[in-house]
Amino acid sequence: MGHGQPAVGVLGEDRPVNRRVQGLVLALAVVLGLTSACSPGGGSGADTPATSPVTSSTPTVAAAPPAAPPLHACYALTLAQAEAPTSAVGPVPCTASHTAVTIQVGTIRPVVDGHLLAVDSDTVQKQIARRCQGRLPAYVGGNEETRRLSRLTVVWFSPTLADSDRGALWFRCDLVALAGHDQLAPLPGSARHVLAAAGALDRFGTCGTAAPSVRRFQRVICSRPHTWRARSTVNLPARAKYLDKAAGAAADSTCHDVESRLASDILKLQWSFEWPSRSEWDAGQRFGYCWTPDPA
């Protein structure tokens, strides 16, 4: 979890995959309408008969690669299925209950620096991740802050190694909503520009079962029972080290101001600043969350 937000799938090592060249060439032959035939011819010489039998082979037509998945299809995926690098789950009607919708289908570019890489290589998977994550803002709408505070993210799938050997070069980006640590939330019949709607974060925002500093804290979607809410995000200095005290103190002061504007009793302020996780920080996230109570 592409599968924002989560990186989905198991990323393999980059490596040239010579065994995949045959499948790729066969796929190109289908597209170009090429077939091949061979006719061994006879030579001439002292020991060669004047006439020799001629044999011919039947032209071999390469099997078409598996078709790419449909755009805008809906799926009833579990979180485990959404986190897998490939998917064999069939679509369901978008009018039925579903947890994922395909927002982009594209073509993998597996040749890098003259090497043909496997679809599960780290480089190819990062390529897919960038393209899927880049599609998310235009699809869900809202501004950067709204998207940061939402539980909407994108996951991605690529063909199996067997299908890629046959020439499949598609990738699929699905929109999902994280309900909790182990479950996806249902999506509306149409999720396009869903974060541009009034009150979108009341349904798809990030909330908590307790304050982030409490052991029993769990992050949940705001449509579920909760007691705290992520109200805003705070950008951290680009040169700050992880858990830097000065940067943390400045962010905490910003969160205090957020709660001061919201609280009905200035003498009973409660707030919390949450740093990104270590893995999020290492992946480049340079903002944290301001949390305040949300008993409603």
Protein backbone atom coordinates (compact mmCIF):
# COMPACT_ATOMS: atom_id res chain seq x y z
CA MET A 1 0.00 0.00 0.00
CA GLY A 2 0.06 0.43 -3.74
CA HIS A 3 -0.33 0.14 -3.38
CA GLY A 4 0.17 6.34 -0.81
CA GLN A 5 0.39 5.92 2.04
CA PRO A 6 0.99 2.27 1.84
CA ALA A 7 3.43 0.78 -0.60
CA VAL A 8 1.69 -2.21 -1.87
CA GLY A 9 3.23 -5.40 -3.09
CA VAL A 10 6.50 -7.19 -2.54
CA LEU A 11 9.25 -5.40 -4.45
CA GLY A 12 11.90 -7.61 -5.99
CA GLU A 13 15.48 -6.90 -7.00
CA ASP A 14 16.27 -5.29 -10.34
CA ARG A 15 17.65 -7.82 -12.72
CA PRO A 16 17.80 -8.42 -16.49
CA VAL A 17 15.32 -11.12 -17.34
CA ASN A 18 16.42 -12.79 -20.56
CA ARG A 19 13.75 -15.46 -20.29
CA ARG A 20 11.09 -12.75 -20.72
CA VAL A 21 12.44 -11.57 -24.07
CA GLN A 22 10.69 -14.39 -25.94
CA GLY A 23 7.28 -13.51 -24.49
CA LEU A 24 7.76 -9.82 -25.25
CA VAL A 25 8.79 -10.53 -28.84
CA LEU A 26 5.81 -12.82 -29.30
CA ALA A 27 3.49 -10.11 -28.03
CA LEU A 28 4.98 -7.59 -30.43
CA ALA A 29 4.55 -10.07 -33.26
CA VAL A 30 0.82 -10.22 -32.54
CA VAL A 31 0.53 -6.44 -32.54
CA LEU A 32 2.42 -6.06 -35.80
CA GLY A 33 0.65 -8.99 -37.45
CA LEU A 34 3.89 -10.83 -38.06
CA THR A 35 4.10 -14.58 -38.64
CA SER A 36 7.05 -16.68 -39.53
CA ALA A 37 7.68 -19.68 -41.72
CA CYS A 38 10.82 -21.56 -42.52
CA SER A 39 11.69 -23.44 -45.70
CA PRO A 40 15.01 -25.23 -45.64
CA GLY A 41 16.43 -25.17 -49.15
CA GLY A 42 18.69 -27.71 -50.87
CA GLY A 43 22.26 -26.92 -51.78
CA SER A 44 24.28 -27.96 -54.83
CA GLY A 45 27.42 -30.08 -54.95
CA ALA A 46 28.90 -33.34 -56.08
CA ASP A 47 26.98 -35.36 -53.52
CA THR A 48 23.70 -33.42 -53.87
CA PRO A 49 20.82 -34.86 -55.93
CA ALA A 50 19.52 -32.69 -58.74
CA THR A 51 16.24 -32.49 -56.96
CA SER A 52 15.63 -32.68 -53.22
CA PRO A 53 12.42 -32.77 -51.20
CA VAL A 54 11.24 -29.41 -49.84
CA THR A 55 9.52 -29.30 -46.47
CA SER A 56 7.62 -26.39 -45.02
CA SER A 57 6.33 -25.65 -41.58
CA THR A 58 2.95 -24.24 -40.67
CA PRO A 59 3.23 -20.56 -39.65
CA THR A 60 3.16 -20.18 -35.87
CA VAL A 61 0.90 -17.46 -34.51
CA ALA A 62 1.79 -16.22 -31.06
CA ALA A 63 -0.93 -16.38 -28.44
CA ALA A 64 -2.31 -12.97 -27.51
CA PRO A 65 -1.16 -11.72 -24.10
CA PRO A 66 -3.76 -11.52 -21.31
CA ALA A 67 -5.96 -8.46 -21.69
CA ALA A 68 -5.49 -5.43 -19.46
CA PRO A 69 -8.11 -4.94 -16.71
CA PRO A 70 -10.97 -2.52 -17.39
CA LEU A 71 -10.84 1.11 -16.29
CA HIS A 72 -13.40 2.28 -13.67
CA ALA A 73 -14.18 -1.31 -12.62
CA CYS A 74 -15.13 -1.91 -8.97
CA TYR A 75 -13.92 -4.70 -6.67
CA ALA A 76 -14.83 -6.06 -3.24
CA LEU A 77 -11.25 -6.44 -2.02
CA THR A 78 -10.04 -7.27 1.47
CA LEU A 79 -7.06 -5.35 2.84
CA ALA A 80 -4.84 -8.41 2.30
CA GLN A 81 -5.94 -8.62 -1.33
CA ALA A 82 -5.32 -4.90 -1.80
CA GLU A 83 -1.79 -5.28 -0.42
CA ALA A 84 -0.90 -8.11 -2.83
CA PRO A 85 1.23 -7.28 -5.90
CA THR A 86 -1.12 -9.14 -8.27
CA SER A 87 -4.86 -9.77 -8.26
CA ALA A 88 -7.12 -12.46 -9.64
CA VAL A 89 -10.28 -11.06 -8.00
CA GLY A 90 -13.05 -10.35 -10.49
CA PRO A 91 -14.98 -7.06 -10.61
CA VAL A 92 -18.42 -6.46 -9.11
CA PRO A 93 -21.08 -3.95 -10.20
CA CYS A 94 -20.24 -0.48 -8.90
CA THR A 95 -23.84 -0.28 -7.67
CA ALA A 96 -23.03 -3.17 -5.28
CA SER A 97 -20.91 -2.94 -2.13
CA HIS A 98 -17.25 -2.51 -3.09
CA THR A 99 -13.98 -1.36 -1.54
CA ALA A 100 -11.87 -0.52 -4.60
CA VAL A 101 -12.30 1.22 -7.94
CA THR A 102 -9.78 1.29 -10.78
CA ILE A 103 -8.77 4.88 -11.49
CA GLN A 104 -6.02 4.24 -14.04
CA VAL A 105 -4.76 1.48 -16.32
CA GLY A 106 -1.42 2.08 -18.00
CA THR A 107 1.54 0.40 -19.67
CA ILE A 108 4.67 -0.72 -17.86
CA ARG A 109 8.02 0.40 -19.27
CA PRO A 110 10.24 -2.54 -18.36
CA VAL A 111 13.35 -1.64 -20.38
CA VAL A 112 15.70 0.46 -18.24
CA ASP A 113 19.25 1.33 -19.36
CA GLY A 114 19.03 -1.35 -22.03
CA HIS A 115 17.96 -4.09 -19.61
CA LEU A 116 14.61 -5.81 -19.63
CA LEU A 117 13.47 -5.94 -15.98
CA ALA A 118 10.91 -8.23 -14.39
CA VAL A 119 7.55 -6.70 -13.50
CA ASP A 120 8.23 -7.41 -9.82
CA SER A 121 11.61 -5.63 -9.83
CA ASP A 122 12.09 -2.70 -7.49
CA THR A 123 12.57 -0.23 -10.35
CA VAL A 124 9.42 -1.28 -12.21
CA GLN A 125 7.30 -1.31 -9.06
CA LYS A 126 8.52 2.19 -8.12
CA GLN A 127 7.67 3.34 -11.63
CA ILE A 128 4.11 2.04 -11.19
CA ALA A 129 3.84 3.56 -7.72
CA ARG A 130 4.80 7.04 -8.96
CA ARG A 131 2.29 6.93 -11.79
CA CYS A 132 -0.55 5.64 -9.60
CA GLN A 133 0.13 8.11 -6.80
CA GLY A 134 0.30 10.90 -9.37
CA ARG A 135 -3.19 10.03 -10.57
CA LEU A 136 -4.80 10.24 -7.11
CA PRO A 137 -5.12 14.07 -6.68
CA ALA A 138 -7.00 14.66 -9.92
CA TYR A 139 -9.34 11.76 -9.28
CA VAL A 140 -10.38 12.40 -5.66
CA GLY A 141 -10.18 16.21 -5.80
CA GLY A 142 -9.83 18.44 -2.77
CA ASN A 143 -6.61 20.26 -1.89
CA GLU A 144 -3.31 18.89 -0.60
CA GLU A 145 -4.35 19.32 3.04
CA THR A 146 -7.64 17.49 2.51
CA ARG A 147 -5.86 14.59 0.82
CA ARG A 148 -3.26 14.40 3.60
CA LEU A 149 -6.00 14.20 6.22
CA SER A 150 -8.09 11.62 4.37
CA ARG A 151 -7.89 7.84 4.59
CA LEU A 152 -8.09 7.54 0.81
CA THR A 153 -5.05 6.08 -0.88
CA VAL A 154 -4.09 4.17 -4.00
CA VAL A 155 -2.85 0.61 -4.43
CA TRP A 156 -1.47 -0.94 -7.60
CA PHE A 157 -1.28 -4.28 -9.34
CA SER A 158 0.85 -5.69 -12.14
CA PRO A 159 0.67 -8.95 -14.11
CA THR A 160 1.96 -12.21 -12.71
CA LEU A 161 5.38 -13.29 -13.93
CA ALA A 162 3.69 -15.96 -16.03
CA ASP A 163 1.41 -13.41 -17.71
CA SER A 164 4.29 -10.99 -18.24
CA ASP A 165 6.18 -13.81 -19.97
CA ARG A 166 3.26 -13.94 -22.41
CA GLY A 167 3.57 -10.21 -23.08
CA ALA A 168 1.25 -8.57 -20.53
CA LEU A 169 2.63 -5.09 -19.75
CA TRP A 170 -0.29 -3.36 -18.03
CA PHE A 171 -0.56 -1.92 -14.54
CA ARG A 172 -3.70 -1.09 -12.60
CA CYS A 173 -4.26 1.65 -9.98
CA ASP A 174 -7.13 1.21 -7.49
CA LEU A 175 -8.55 3.76 -5.07
CA VAL A 176 -9.23 2.37 -1.58
CA ALA A 177 -10.19 3.81 1.83
CA LEU A 178 -8.46 2.49 4.95
CA ALA A 179 -11.09 1.84 7.62
CA GLY A 180 -8.68 0.65 10.30
CA HIS A 181 -5.44 -1.25 10.62
CA ASP A 182 -6.92 -4.43 9.11
CA GLN A 183 -9.91 -3.46 6.99
CA LEU A 184 -10.98 -1.38 4.00
CA ALA A 185 -14.03 0.89 4.06
CA PRO A 186 -16.78 0.74 1.43
CA LEU A 187 -16.63 3.34 -1.33
CA PRO A 188 -19.55 5.32 -2.77
CA GLY A 189 -20.99 4.41 -6.16
CA SER A 190 -18.97 7.25 -7.66
CA ALA A 191 -15.77 8.28 -5.91
CA ARG A 192 -14.61 10.83 -8.46
CA HIS A 193 -13.90 14.20 -6.75
CA VAL A 194 -15.18 12.73 -3.50
CA LEU A 195 -12.89 14.97 -1.40
CA ALA A 196 -14.25 18.11 -3.05
CA ALA A 197 -17.65 17.56 -1.42
CA ALA A 198 -18.61 19.44 1.75
CA GLY A 199 -18.02 17.35 4.87
CA ALA A 200 -15.87 14.82 3.00
CA LEU A 201 -13.50 14.45 5.96
CA ASP A 202 -16.39 13.56 8.28
CA ARG A 203 -16.65 10.38 6.25
CA PHE A 204 -13.13 9.83 4.90
CA GLY A 205 -10.95 11.77 7.35
CA THR A 206 -8.35 10.37 9.75
CA CYS A 207 -9.54 9.85 13.33
CA GLY A 208 -8.37 7.91 16.37
CA THR A 209 -9.82 5.72 19.10
CA ALA A 210 -7.73 7.67 21.65
CA ALA A 211 -4.98 10.29 21.78
CA PRO A 212 -1.99 9.29 19.61
CA SER A 213 0.23 9.09 22.71
CA VAL A 214 -2.00 6.47 24.38
CA ARG A 215 -1.13 2.79 24.00
CA ARG A 216 -4.66 1.81 22.94
CA PHE A 217 -4.65 4.38 20.11
CA GLN A 218 -5.76 3.06 16.73
CA ARG A 219 -6.11 5.08 13.57
CA VAL A 220 -9.60 4.76 12.03
CA ILE A 221 -11.65 6.41 9.33
CA CYS A 222 -13.83 9.20 10.79
CA SER A 223 -17.07 7.45 9.83
CA ARG A 224 -16.22 4.92 12.56
CA PRO A 225 -16.53 5.55 16.31
CA HIS A 226 -13.64 7.72 17.51
CA THR A 227 -12.63 10.23 20.19
CA TRP A 228 -9.80 12.18 18.51
CA ARG A 229 -9.36 13.66 15.05
CA ALA A 230 -6.40 14.71 12.91
CA ARG A 231 -7.29 18.38 12.39
CA SER A 232 -4.40 19.63 10.29
CA THR A 233 -0.90 18.85 9.15
CA VAL A 234 2.35 20.66 9.97
CA ASN A 235 5.24 20.83 7.55
CA LEU A 236 8.61 19.96 9.07
CA PRO A 237 11.91 21.64 8.13
CA ALA A 238 13.59 19.95 5.19
CA ARG A 239 16.92 19.81 7.06
CA ALA A 240 15.49 18.60 10.36
CA LYS A 241 16.56 15.21 11.65
CA TYR A 242 13.96 12.66 12.62
CA LEU A 243 12.35 13.50 16.00
CA ASP A 244 14.39 16.71 16.15
CA LYS A 245 13.50 18.48 19.41
CA ALA A 246 13.39 22.01 18.02
CA ALA A 247 11.26 21.00 15.04
CA GLY A 248 8.97 18.98 17.30
CA ALA A 249 8.54 21.89 19.73
CA ALA A 250 7.62 24.28 16.91
CA ALA A 251 5.11 21.81 15.50
CA ASP A 252 3.62 21.22 18.95
CA SER A 253 3.13 24.97 19.35
CA THR A 254 1.28 25.07 16.03
CA CYS A 255 -1.02 22.29 17.22
CA HIS A 256 -1.68 24.20 20.45
CA ASP A 257 -2.87 27.13 18.35
CA VAL A 258 -5.15 24.83 16.34
CA GLU A 259 -6.80 23.57 19.52
CA SER A 260 -7.06 27.12 20.93
CA ARG A 261 -9.22 28.09 17.96
CA LEU A 262 -11.45 25.04 18.33
CA ALA A 263 -11.86 24.55 22.07
CA SER A 264 -14.90 25.89 23.87
CA ASP A 265 -12.98 26.16 27.15
CA ILE A 266 -9.52 27.72 26.88
CA LEU A 267 -8.63 26.22 30.28
CA LYS A 268 -9.14 22.65 29.08
CA LEU A 269 -7.01 22.46 25.98
CA GLN A 270 -5.89 19.07 24.73
CA TRP A 271 -3.76 18.50 21.66
CA SER A 272 -1.04 16.26 20.33
CA PHE A 273 1.51 16.51 17.53
CA GLU A 274 2.33 13.25 15.79
CA TRP A 275 5.54 12.75 13.83
CA PRO A 276 5.45 10.57 10.72
CA SER A 277 6.55 7.01 11.32
CA ARG A 278 10.18 6.13 10.71
CA SER A 279 9.29 4.34 7.48
CA GLU A 280 7.24 7.34 6.29
CA TRP A 281 10.11 9.67 7.13
CA ASP A 282 12.60 7.51 5.25
CA ALA A 283 10.20 7.52 2.27
CA GLY A 284 10.30 11.33 2.21
CA GLN A 285 7.26 12.43 4.24
CA ARG A 286 8.06 15.76 5.89
CA PHE A 287 4.83 16.60 7.69
CA GLY A 288 3.11 15.48 10.87
CA TYR A 289 -0.43 15.62 12.25
CA CYS A 290 -2.15 17.88 14.78
CA TRP A 291 -4.66 15.88 16.83
CA THR A 292 -7.41 17.25 19.07
CA PRO A 293 -10.35 15.64 20.88
CA ASP A 294 -13.45 15.00 18.81
CA PRO A 295 -16.05 13.46 21.14
CA ALA A 296 -18.82 13.92 18.61
